[in-house]
Amino acid sequence: MTRPCRCRRIRCSPDKNYFKPRGIPLDSLEEVNLALDELEAVRLADFEGLYQEDAAKKMDISRQTFGNIIKSAHKKIADVLLNAKALKIEGGKVKRVC
């Protein structure tokens, strides 16, 4: 039996939650879902430049969990960019602290 997923703290949601390559019809694109906690991890680590330990504390999770989240997010974003897919940002067990 696995442990229950702990609620992750995020600062705020994005204004836009869907991105796609220009010039390709939406119905012909494969879609990749990026959870809100994955977006928050990218924001903290890559945009804010925080170390994983500090970013994990802000999200109220362990450093190892943060590492797993950021790894998953980076893989999804690379897939979207390299394979011309649509990116939808939604979901995840999160608690907004805006």
PDB file of N, CA and C in Angstrom:
ATOM      1  N   MET A   1       0.844  -1.172   0.000  1.00  0.00           N
ATOM      2  CA  MET A   1       0.000   0.000   0.000  1.00  0.00           C
ATOM      3  C   MET A   1       0.895   1.244   0.000  1.00  0.00           C
ATOM      4  N   THR A   2       0.615   2.165  -0.901  1.00  0.00           N
ATOM      5  CA  THR A   2       1.422   3.373  -0.981  1.00  0.00           C
ATOM      6  C   THR A   2       0.899   4.432  -0.016  1.00  0.00           C
ATOM      7  N   ARG A   3       1.795   5.359   0.318  1.00  0.00           N
ATOM      8  CA  ARG A   3       1.405   6.465   1.199  1.00  0.00           C
ATOM      9  C   ARG A   3       0.480   7.418   0.450  1.00  0.00           C
ATOM     10  N   PRO A   4      -0.434   8.052   1.157  1.00  0.00           N
ATOM     11  CA  PRO A   4      -1.310   9.023   0.500  1.00  0.00           C
ATOM     12  C   PRO A   4      -0.519  10.239   0.036  1.00  0.00           C
ATOM     13  N   CYS A   5      -0.939  10.816  -1.068  1.00  0.00           N
ATOM     14  CA  CYS A   5      -0.278  11.986  -1.633  1.00  0.00           C
ATOM     15  C   CYS A   5      -0.536  13.195  -0.740  1.00  0.00           C
ATOM     16  N   ARG A   6       0.534  13.860  -0.348  1.00  0.00           N
ATOM     17  CA  ARG A   6       0.423  15.036   0.502  1.00  0.00           C
ATOM     18  C   ARG A   6       0.144  16.281  -0.341  1.00  0.00           C
ATOM     19  N   CYS A   7      -0.678  17.142   0.177  1.00  0.00           N
ATOM     20  CA  CYS A   7      -1.018  18.381  -0.520  1.00  0.00           C
ATOM     21  C   CYS A   7       0.243  19.244  -0.665  1.00  0.00           C
ATOM     22  N   ARG A   8       0.497  19.759  -1.877  1.00  0.00           N
ATOM     23  CA  ARG A   8       1.666  20.589  -2.125  1.00  0.00           C
ATOM     24  C   ARG A   8       1.257  22.048  -2.171  1.00  0.00           C
ATOM     25  N   ARG A   9       2.022  22.912  -1.541  1.00  0.00           N
ATOM     26  CA  ARG A   9       1.716  24.342  -1.546  1.00  0.00           C
ATOM     27  C   ARG A   9       2.240  24.984  -2.824  1.00  0.00           C
ATOM     28  N   ILE A  10       1.402  25.783  -3.440  1.00  0.00           N
ATOM     29  CA  ILE A  10       1.823  26.543  -4.610  1.00  0.00           C
ATOM     30  C   ILE A  10       1.457  28.001  -4.383  1.00  0.00           C
ATOM     31  N   ARG A  11       2.205  28.890  -5.005  1.00  0.00           N
ATOM     32  CA  ARG A  11       1.968  30.332  -4.827  1.00  0.00           C
ATOM     33  C   ARG A  11       0.732  30.802  -5.578  1.00  0.00           C
ATOM     34  N   CYS A  12       0.609  30.489  -6.830  1.00  0.00           N
ATOM     35  CA  CYS A  12      -0.569  30.910  -7.590  1.00  0.00           C
ATOM     36  C   CYS A  12      -0.651  30.136  -8.907  1.00  0.00           C
ATOM     37  N   SER A  13      -1.803  30.233  -9.509  1.00  0.00           N
ATOM     38  CA  SER A  13      -2.053  29.552 -10.783  1.00  0.00           C
ATOM     39  C   SER A  13      -1.699  30.474 -11.946  1.00  0.00           C
ATOM     40  N   PRO A  14      -1.348  29.901 -13.084  1.00  0.00           N
ATOM     41  CA  PRO A  14      -1.035  30.742 -14.247  1.00  0.00           C
ATOM     42  C   PRO A  14      -2.303  31.353 -14.847  1.00  0.00           C
ATOM     43  N   ASP A  15      -2.134  32.505 -15.493  1.00  0.00           N
ATOM     44  CA  ASP A  15      -3.263  33.140 -16.186  1.00  0.00           C
ATOM     45  C   ASP A  15      -3.701  32.305 -17.375  1.00  0.00           C
ATOM     46  N   LYS A  16      -2.745  31.757 -18.066  1.00  0.00           N
ATOM     47  CA  LYS A  16      -3.006  30.903 -19.229  1.00  0.00           C
ATOM     48  C   LYS A  16      -2.640  29.473 -18.844  1.00  0.00           C
ATOM     49  N   ASN A  17      -3.441  28.525 -19.294  1.00  0.00           N
ATOM     50  CA  ASN A  17      -3.149  27.135 -18.924  1.00  0.00           C
ATOM     51  C   ASN A  17      -3.011  26.206 -20.130  1.00  0.00           C
ATOM     52  N   TYR A  18      -2.859  26.783 -21.314  1.00  0.00           N
ATOM     53  CA  TYR A  18      -2.744  25.945 -22.498  1.00  0.00           C
ATOM     54  C   TYR A  18      -1.775  26.586 -23.485  1.00  0.00           C
ATOM     55  N   PHE A  19      -0.820  25.810 -23.964  1.00  0.00           N
ATOM     56  CA  PHE A  19       0.146  26.282 -24.950  1.00  0.00           C
ATOM     57  C   PHE A  19       0.261  25.250 -26.060  1.00  0.00           C
ATOM     58  N   LYS A  20       0.359  25.737 -27.298  1.00  0.00           N
ATOM     59  CA  LYS A  20       0.491  24.831 -28.430  1.00  0.00           C
ATOM     60  C   LYS A  20       1.373  25.485 -29.484  1.00  0.00           C
ATOM     61  N   PRO A  21       1.971  24.670 -30.341  1.00  0.00           N
ATOM     62  CA  PRO A  21       2.758  25.238 -31.439  1.00  0.00           C
ATOM     63  C   PRO A  21       1.868  26.013 -32.402  1.00  0.00           C
ATOM     64  N   ARG A  22       2.372  27.123 -32.884  1.00  0.00           N
ATOM     65  CA  ARG A  22       1.612  27.936 -33.833  1.00  0.00           C
ATOM     66  C   ARG A  22       1.564  27.237 -35.190  1.00  0.00           C
ATOM     67  N   GLY A  23       0.453  27.353 -35.861  1.00  0.00           N
ATOM     68  CA  GLY A  23       0.319  26.834 -37.209  1.00  0.00           C
ATOM     69  C   GLY A  23      -0.094  25.381 -37.312  1.00  0.00           C
ATOM     70  N   ILE A  24      -0.277  24.724 -36.185  1.00  0.00           N
ATOM     71  CA  ILE A  24      -0.714  23.328 -36.196  1.00  0.00           C
ATOM     72  C   ILE A  24      -2.100  23.269 -35.564  1.00  0.00           C
ATOM     73  N   PRO A  25      -3.089  22.719 -36.264  1.00  0.00           N
ATOM     74  CA  PRO A  25      -4.445  22.647 -35.703  1.00  0.00           C
ATOM     75  C   PRO A  25      -4.475  21.844 -34.397  1.00  0.00           C
ATOM     76  N   LEU A  26      -5.251  22.312 -33.466  1.00  0.00           N
ATOM     77  CA  LEU A  26      -5.337  21.688 -32.151  1.00  0.00           C
ATOM     78  C   LEU A  26      -5.762  20.229 -32.219  1.00  0.00           C
ATOM     79  N   ASP A  27      -6.673  19.894 -33.118  1.00  0.00           N
ATOM     80  CA  ASP A  27      -7.177  18.524 -33.186  1.00  0.00           C
ATOM     81  C   ASP A  27      -6.138  17.531 -33.710  1.00  0.00           C
ATOM     82  N   SER A  28      -5.027  18.025 -34.258  1.00  0.00           N
ATOM     83  CA  SER A  28      -3.990  17.116 -34.740  1.00  0.00           C
ATOM     84  C   SER A  28      -2.799  17.030 -33.777  1.00  0.00           C
ATOM     85  N   LEU A  29      -2.899  17.682 -32.637  1.00  0.00           N
ATOM     86  CA  LEU A  29      -1.806  17.682 -31.658  1.00  0.00           C
ATOM     87  C   LEU A  29      -2.054  16.687 -30.534  1.00  0.00           C
ATOM     88  N   GLU A  30      -0.988  16.055 -30.092  1.00  0.00           N
ATOM     89  CA  GLU A  30      -1.040  15.245 -28.886  1.00  0.00           C
ATOM     90  C   GLU A  30      -0.893  16.199 -27.700  1.00  0.00           C
ATOM     91  N   GLU A  31      -1.560  15.905 -26.607  1.00  0.00           N
ATOM     92  CA  GLU A  31      -1.571  16.793 -25.450  1.00  0.00           C
ATOM     93  C   GLU A  31      -0.790  16.185 -24.290  1.00  0.00           C
ATOM     94  N   VAL A  32      -0.010  17.011 -23.610  1.00  0.00           N
ATOM     95  CA  VAL A  32       0.734  16.608 -22.423  1.00  0.00           C
ATOM     96  C   VAL A  32       0.201  17.434 -21.256  1.00  0.00           C
ATOM     97  N   ASN A  33      -0.134  16.778 -20.137  1.00  0.00           N
ATOM     98  CA  ASN A  33      -0.638  17.470 -18.952  1.00  0.00           C
ATOM     99  C   ASN A  33       0.499  17.724 -17.964  1.00  0.00           C
ATOM    100  N   LEU A  34       0.644  18.974 -17.580  1.00  0.00           N
ATOM    101  CA  LEU A  34       1.612  19.386 -16.570  1.00  0.00           C
ATOM    102  C   LEU A  34       0.805  19.799 -15.346  1.00  0.00           C
ATOM    103  N   ALA A  35       1.011  19.102 -14.236  1.00  0.00           N
ATOM    104  CA  ALA A  35       0.260  19.398 -13.014  1.00  0.00           C
ATOM    105  C   ALA A  35       0.723  20.722 -12.420  1.00  0.00           C
ATOM    106  N   LEU A  36      -0.137  21.331 -11.618  1.00  0.00           N
ATOM    107  CA  LEU A  36       0.187  22.620 -11.008  1.00  0.00           C
ATOM    108  C   LEU A  36       1.404  22.540 -10.098  1.00  0.00           C
ATOM    109  N   ASP A  37       1.588  21.410  -9.398  1.00  0.00           N
ATOM    110  CA  ASP A  37       2.775  21.280  -8.550  1.00  0.00           C
ATOM    111  C   ASP A  37       4.051  21.165  -9.390  1.00  0.00           C
ATOM    112  N   GLU A  38       3.948  20.580 -10.581  1.00  0.00           N
ATOM    113  CA  GLU A  38       5.103  20.510 -11.471  1.00  0.00           C
ATOM    114  C   GLU A  38       5.469  21.898 -11.991  1.00  0.00           C
ATOM    115  N   LEU A  39       4.459  22.693 -12.309  1.00  0.00           N
ATOM    116  CA  LEU A  39       4.708  24.066 -12.751  1.00  0.00           C
ATOM    117  C   LEU A  39       5.351  24.871 -11.623  1.00  0.00           C
ATOM    118  N   GLU A  40       4.862  24.703 -10.406  1.00  0.00           N
ATOM    119  CA  GLU A  40       5.431  25.414  -9.256  1.00  0.00           C
ATOM    120  C   GLU A  40       6.882  24.999  -9.028  1.00  0.00           C
ATOM    121  N   ALA A  41       7.177  23.732  -9.188  1.00  0.00           N
ATOM    122  CA  ALA A  41       8.560  23.259  -9.033  1.00  0.00           C
ATOM    123  C   ALA A  41       9.475  23.894 -10.079  1.00  0.00           C
ATOM    124  N   VAL A  42       9.020  23.984 -11.315  1.00  0.00           N
ATOM    125  CA  VAL A  42       9.800  24.634 -12.371  1.00  0.00           C
ATOM    126  C   VAL A  42       9.991  26.114 -12.048  1.00  0.00           C
ATOM    127  N   ARG A  43       8.942  26.761 -11.561  1.00  0.00           N
ATOM    128  CA  ARG A  43       9.036  28.176 -11.213  1.00  0.00           C
ATOM    129  C   ARG A  43      10.078  28.409 -10.121  1.00  0.00           C
ATOM    130  N   LEU A  44      10.026  27.587  -9.073  1.00  0.00           N
ATOM    131  CA  LEU A  44      10.950  27.770  -7.955  1.00  0.00           C
ATOM    132  C   LEU A  44      12.392  27.435  -8.321  1.00  0.00           C
ATOM    133  N   ALA A  45      12.593  26.312  -9.000  1.00  0.00           N
ATOM    134  CA  ALA A  45      13.951  25.858  -9.298  1.00  0.00           C
ATOM    135  C   ALA A  45      14.575  26.606 -10.473  1.00  0.00           C
ATOM    136  N   ASP A  46      13.850  26.741 -11.555  1.00  0.00           N
ATOM    137  CA  ASP A  46      14.425  27.294 -12.781  1.00  0.00           C
ATOM    138  C   ASP A  46      14.245  28.809 -12.900  1.00  0.00           C
ATOM    139  N   PHE A  47      13.083  29.315 -12.545  1.00  0.00           N
ATOM    140  CA  PHE A  47      12.822  30.741 -12.692  1.00  0.00           C
ATOM    141  C   PHE A  47      13.360  31.541 -11.499  1.00  0.00           C
ATOM    142  N   GLU A  48      13.066  31.058 -10.281  1.00  0.00           N
ATOM    143  CA  GLU A  48      13.549  31.740  -9.075  1.00  0.00           C
ATOM    144  C   GLU A  48      14.992  31.366  -8.730  1.00  0.00           C
ATOM    145  N   GLY A  49      15.470  30.235  -9.248  1.00  0.00           N
ATOM    146  CA  GLY A  49      16.851  29.810  -9.005  1.00  0.00           C
ATOM    147  C   GLY A  49      17.116  29.251  -7.618  1.00  0.00           C
ATOM    148  N   LEU A  50      16.090  28.715  -6.967  1.00  0.00           N
ATOM    149  CA  LEU A  50      16.270  28.152  -5.626  1.00  0.00           C
ATOM    150  C   LEU A  50      16.893  26.763  -5.698  1.00  0.00           C
ATOM    151  N   TYR A  51      17.622  26.409  -4.660  1.00  0.00           N
ATOM    152  CA  TYR A  51      18.117  25.041  -4.529  1.00  0.00           C
ATOM    153  C   TYR A  51      16.929  24.137  -4.192  1.00  0.00           C
ATOM    154  N   GLN A  52      17.068  22.851  -4.506  1.00  0.00           N
ATOM    155  CA  GLN A  52      15.954  21.923  -4.300  1.00  0.00           C
ATOM    156  C   GLN A  52      15.494  21.888  -2.849  1.00  0.00           C
ATOM    157  N   GLU A  53      16.415  21.939  -1.909  1.00  0.00           N
ATOM    158  CA  GLU A  53      16.062  21.905  -0.483  1.00  0.00           C
ATOM    159  C   GLU A  53      15.179  23.096  -0.108  1.00  0.00           C
ATOM    160  N   ASP A  54      15.549  24.287  -0.561  1.00  0.00           N
ATOM    161  CA  ASP A  54      14.777  25.491  -0.251  1.00  0.00           C
ATOM    162  C   ASP A  54      13.420  25.489  -0.955  1.00  0.00           C
ATOM    163  N   ALA A  55      13.409  25.049  -2.195  1.00  0.00           N
ATOM    164  CA  ALA A  55      12.155  24.977  -2.952  1.00  0.00           C
ATOM    165  C   ALA A  55      11.205  23.957  -2.319  1.00  0.00           C
ATOM    166  N   ALA A  56      11.742  22.836  -1.873  1.00  0.00           N
ATOM    167  CA  ALA A  56      10.921  21.799  -1.228  1.00  0.00           C
ATOM    168  C   ALA A  56      10.262  22.346   0.034  1.00  0.00           C
ATOM    169  N   LYS A  57      10.995  23.125   0.807  1.00  0.00           N
ATOM    170  CA  LYS A  57      10.418  23.717   2.021  1.00  0.00           C
ATOM    171  C   LYS A  57       9.262  24.652   1.668  1.00  0.00           C
ATOM    172  N   LYS A  58       9.414  25.423   0.610  1.00  0.00           N
ATOM    173  CA  LYS A  58       8.339  26.338   0.198  1.00  0.00           C
ATOM    174  C   LYS A  58       7.086  25.586  -0.227  1.00  0.00           C
ATOM    175  N   MET A  59       7.274  24.389  -0.789  1.00  0.00           N
ATOM    176  CA  MET A  59       6.128  23.579  -1.223  1.00  0.00           C
ATOM    177  C   MET A  59       5.633  22.626  -0.137  1.00  0.00           C
ATOM    178  N   ASP A  60       6.329  22.609   1.012  1.00  0.00           N
ATOM    179  CA  ASP A  60       5.963  21.755   2.142  1.00  0.00           C
ATOM    180  C   ASP A  60       6.047  20.269   1.787  1.00  0.00           C
ATOM    181  N   ILE A  61       7.128  19.902   1.096  1.00  0.00           N
ATOM    182  CA  ILE A  61       7.378  18.502   0.725  1.00  0.00           C
ATOM    183  C   ILE A  61       8.847  18.188   0.985  1.00  0.00           C
ATOM    184  N   SER A  62       9.214  16.917   0.875  1.00  0.00           N
ATOM    185  CA  SER A  62      10.616  16.533   1.070  1.00  0.00           C
ATOM    186  C   SER A  62      11.451  16.898  -0.151  1.00  0.00           C
ATOM    187  N   ARG A  63      12.755  16.958   0.032  1.00  0.00           N
ATOM    188  CA  ARG A  63      13.660  17.278  -1.063  1.00  0.00           C
ATOM    189  C   ARG A  63      13.603  16.200  -2.128  1.00  0.00           C
ATOM    190  N   GLN A  64      13.494  14.955  -1.712  1.00  0.00           N
ATOM    191  CA  GLN A  64      13.410  13.852  -2.678  1.00  0.00           C
ATOM    192  C   GLN A  64      12.126  13.938  -3.502  1.00  0.00           C
ATOM    193  N   THR A  65      11.010  14.252  -2.862  1.00  0.00           N
ATOM    194  CA  THR A  65       9.757  14.413  -3.593  1.00  0.00           C
ATOM    195  C   THR A  65       9.874  15.566  -4.576  1.00  0.00           C
ATOM    196  N   PHE A  66      10.485  16.672  -4.143  1.00  0.00           N
ATOM    197  CA  PHE A  66      10.688  17.805  -5.043  1.00  0.00           C
ATOM    198  C   PHE A  66      11.522  17.375  -6.245  1.00  0.00           C
ATOM    199  N   GLY A  67      12.572  16.615  -6.006  1.00  0.00           N
ATOM    200  CA  GLY A  67      13.418  16.120  -7.098  1.00  0.00           C
ATOM    201  C   GLY A  67      12.636  15.278  -8.083  1.00  0.00           C
ATOM    202  N   ASN A  68      11.744  14.440  -7.593  1.00  0.00           N
ATOM    203  CA  ASN A  68      10.909  13.610  -8.474  1.00  0.00           C
ATOM    204  C   ASN A  68       9.944  14.465  -9.287  1.00  0.00           C
ATOM    205  N   ILE A  69       9.367  15.483  -8.646  1.00  0.00           N
ATOM    206  CA  ILE A  69       8.427  16.367  -9.335  1.00  0.00           C
ATOM    207  C   ILE A  69       9.128  17.150 -10.435  1.00  0.00           C
ATOM    208  N   ILE A  70      10.284  17.729 -10.141  1.00  0.00           N
ATOM    209  CA  ILE A  70      10.989  18.553 -11.129  1.00  0.00           C
ATOM    210  C   ILE A  70      11.500  17.703 -12.285  1.00  0.00           C
ATOM    211  N   LYS A  71      11.908  16.480 -11.980  1.00  0.00           N
ATOM    212  CA  LYS A  71      12.362  15.570 -13.041  1.00  0.00           C
ATOM    213  C   LYS A  71      11.216  15.257 -14.004  1.00  0.00           C
ATOM    214  N   SER A  72      10.044  14.977 -13.450  1.00  0.00           N
ATOM    215  CA  SER A  72       8.870  14.694 -14.266  1.00  0.00           C
ATOM    216  C   SER A  72       8.483  15.909 -15.105  1.00  0.00           C
ATOM    217  N   ALA A  73       8.517  17.089 -14.487  1.00  0.00           N
ATOM    218  CA  ALA A  73       8.157  18.322 -15.198  1.00  0.00           C
ATOM    219  C   ALA A  73       9.115  18.593 -16.346  1.00  0.00           C
ATOM    220  N   HIS A  74      10.411  18.451 -16.104  1.00  0.00           N
ATOM    221  CA  HIS A  74      11.403  18.690 -17.156  1.00  0.00           C
ATOM    222  C   HIS A  74      11.208  17.727 -18.324  1.00  0.00           C
ATOM    223  N   LYS A  75      10.899  16.479 -18.022  1.00  0.00           N
ATOM    224  CA  LYS A  75      10.690  15.491 -19.083  1.00  0.00           C
ATOM    225  C   LYS A  75       9.477  15.860 -19.934  1.00  0.00           C
ATOM    226  N   LYS A  76       8.387  16.265 -19.278  1.00  0.00           N
ATOM    227  CA  LYS A  76       7.178  16.644 -20.009  1.00  0.00           C
ATOM    228  C   LYS A  76       7.407  17.880 -20.876  1.00  0.00           C
ATOM    229  N   ILE A  77       8.084  18.877 -20.329  1.00  0.00           N
ATOM    230  CA  ILE A  77       8.341  20.106 -21.080  1.00  0.00           C
ATOM    231  C   ILE A  77       9.247  19.825 -22.274  1.00  0.00           C
ATOM    232  N   ALA A  78      10.263  18.997 -22.086  1.00  0.00           N
ATOM    233  CA  ALA A  78      11.140  18.627 -23.199  1.00  0.00           C
ATOM    234  C   ALA A  78      10.360  17.887 -24.280  1.00  0.00           C
ATOM    235  N   ASP A  79       9.470  17.001 -23.882  1.00  0.00           N
ATOM    236  CA  ASP A  79       8.636  16.267 -24.838  1.00  0.00           C
ATOM    237  C   ASP A  79       7.775  17.232 -25.656  1.00  0.00           C
ATOM    238  N   VAL A  80       7.175  18.198 -24.989  1.00  0.00           N
ATOM    239  CA  VAL A  80       6.335  19.191 -25.674  1.00  0.00           C
ATOM    240  C   VAL A  80       7.158  19.978 -26.692  1.00  0.00           C
ATOM    241  N   LEU A  81       8.331  20.456 -26.285  1.00  0.00           N
ATOM    242  CA  LEU A  81       9.143  21.285 -27.160  1.00  0.00           C
ATOM    243  C   LEU A  81       9.746  20.503 -28.322  1.00  0.00           C
ATOM    244  N   LEU A  82      10.238  19.318 -28.048  1.00  0.00           N
ATOM    245  CA  LEU A  82      10.932  18.539 -29.074  1.00  0.00           C
ATOM    246  C   LEU A  82       9.993  17.825 -30.040  1.00  0.00           C
ATOM    247  N   ASN A  83       8.802  17.507 -29.587  1.00  0.00           N
ATOM    248  CA  ASN A  83       7.880  16.733 -30.416  1.00  0.00           C
ATOM    249  C   ASN A  83       6.643  17.518 -30.837  1.00  0.00           C
ATOM    250  N   ALA A  84       6.684  18.839 -30.687  1.00  0.00           N
ATOM    251  CA  ALA A  84       5.593  19.728 -31.104  1.00  0.00           C
ATOM    252  C   ALA A  84       4.239  19.239 -30.596  1.00  0.00           C
ATOM    253  N   LYS A  85       4.104  19.176 -29.280  1.00  0.00           N
ATOM    254  CA  LYS A  85       2.852  18.754 -28.644  1.00  0.00           C
ATOM    255  C   LYS A  85       2.237  19.946 -27.926  1.00  0.00           C
ATOM    256  N   ALA A  86       0.981  19.828 -27.561  1.00  0.00           N
ATOM    257  CA  ALA A  86       0.300  20.861 -26.784  1.00  0.00           C
ATOM    258  C   ALA A  86       0.550  20.608 -25.300  1.00  0.00           C
ATOM    259  N   LEU A  87       0.624  21.684 -24.517  1.00  0.00           N
ATOM    260  CA  LEU A  87       0.859  21.595 -23.077  1.00  0.00           C
ATOM    261  C   LEU A  87      -0.349  22.152 -22.343  1.00  0.00           C
ATOM    262  N   LYS A  88      -0.963  21.321 -21.506  1.00  0.00           N
ATOM    263  CA  LYS A  88      -2.118  21.736 -20.710  1.00  0.00           C
ATOM    264  C   LYS A  88      -1.705  21.718 -19.243  1.00  0.00           C
ATOM    265  N   ILE A  89      -1.917  22.827 -18.555  1.00  0.00           N
ATOM    266  CA  ILE A  89      -1.519  22.949 -17.148  1.00  0.00           C
ATOM    267  C   ILE A  89      -2.766  22.872 -16.289  1.00  0.00           C
ATOM    268  N   GLU A  90      -2.867  21.806 -15.515  1.00  0.00           N
ATOM    269  CA  GLU A  90      -4.023  21.623 -14.625  1.00  0.00           C
ATOM    270  C   GLU A  90      -3.798  20.448 -13.697  1.00  0.00           C
ATOM    271  N   GLY A  91      -4.552  20.423 -12.626  1.00  0.00           N
ATOM    272  CA  GLY A  91      -4.611  19.265 -11.753  1.00  0.00           C
ATOM    273  C   GLY A  91      -3.513  19.188 -10.707  1.00  0.00           C
ATOM    274  N   GLY A  92      -3.519  18.085 -10.012  1.00  0.00           N
ATOM    275  CA  GLY A  92      -2.573  17.861  -8.937  1.00  0.00           C
ATOM    276  C   GLY A  92      -3.215  18.177  -7.593  1.00  0.00           C
ATOM    277  N   LYS A  93      -2.682  17.583  -6.552  1.00  0.00           N
ATOM    278  CA  LYS A  93      -3.199  17.815  -5.201  1.00  0.00           C
ATOM    279  C   LYS A  93      -2.430  18.982  -4.599  1.00  0.00           C
ATOM    280  N   VAL A  94      -3.012  20.167  -4.715  1.00  0.00           N
ATOM    281  CA  VAL A  94      -2.312  21.383  -4.303  1.00  0.00           C
ATOM    282  C   VAL A  94      -3.174  22.242  -3.386  1.00  0.00           C
ATOM    283  N   LYS A  95      -2.473  23.109  -2.643  1.00  0.00           N
ATOM    284  CA  LYS A  95      -3.128  24.101  -1.793  1.00  0.00           C
ATOM    285  C   LYS A  95      -2.517  25.452  -2.150  1.00  0.00           C
ATOM    286  N   ARG A  96      -3.337  26.361  -2.652  1.00  0.00           N
ATOM    287  CA  ARG A  96      -2.848  27.685  -3.053  1.00  0.00           C
ATOM    288  C   ARG A  96      -2.628  28.547  -1.822  1.00  0.00           C
ATOM    289  N   VAL A  97      -1.487  29.221  -1.799  1.00  0.00           N
ATOM    290  CA  VAL A  97      -1.171  30.109  -0.674  1.00  0.00           C
ATOM    291  C   VAL A  97      -0.874  31.525  -1.181  1.00  0.00           C
ATOM    292  N   CYS A  98      -1.577  31.946  -2.215  1.00  0.00           N
ATOM    293  CA  CYS A  98      -1.378  33.279  -2.814  1.00  0.00           C
ATOM    294  C   CYS A  98      -1.716  34.372  -1.828  1.00  0.00           C
TER     295      CYS A  98
END
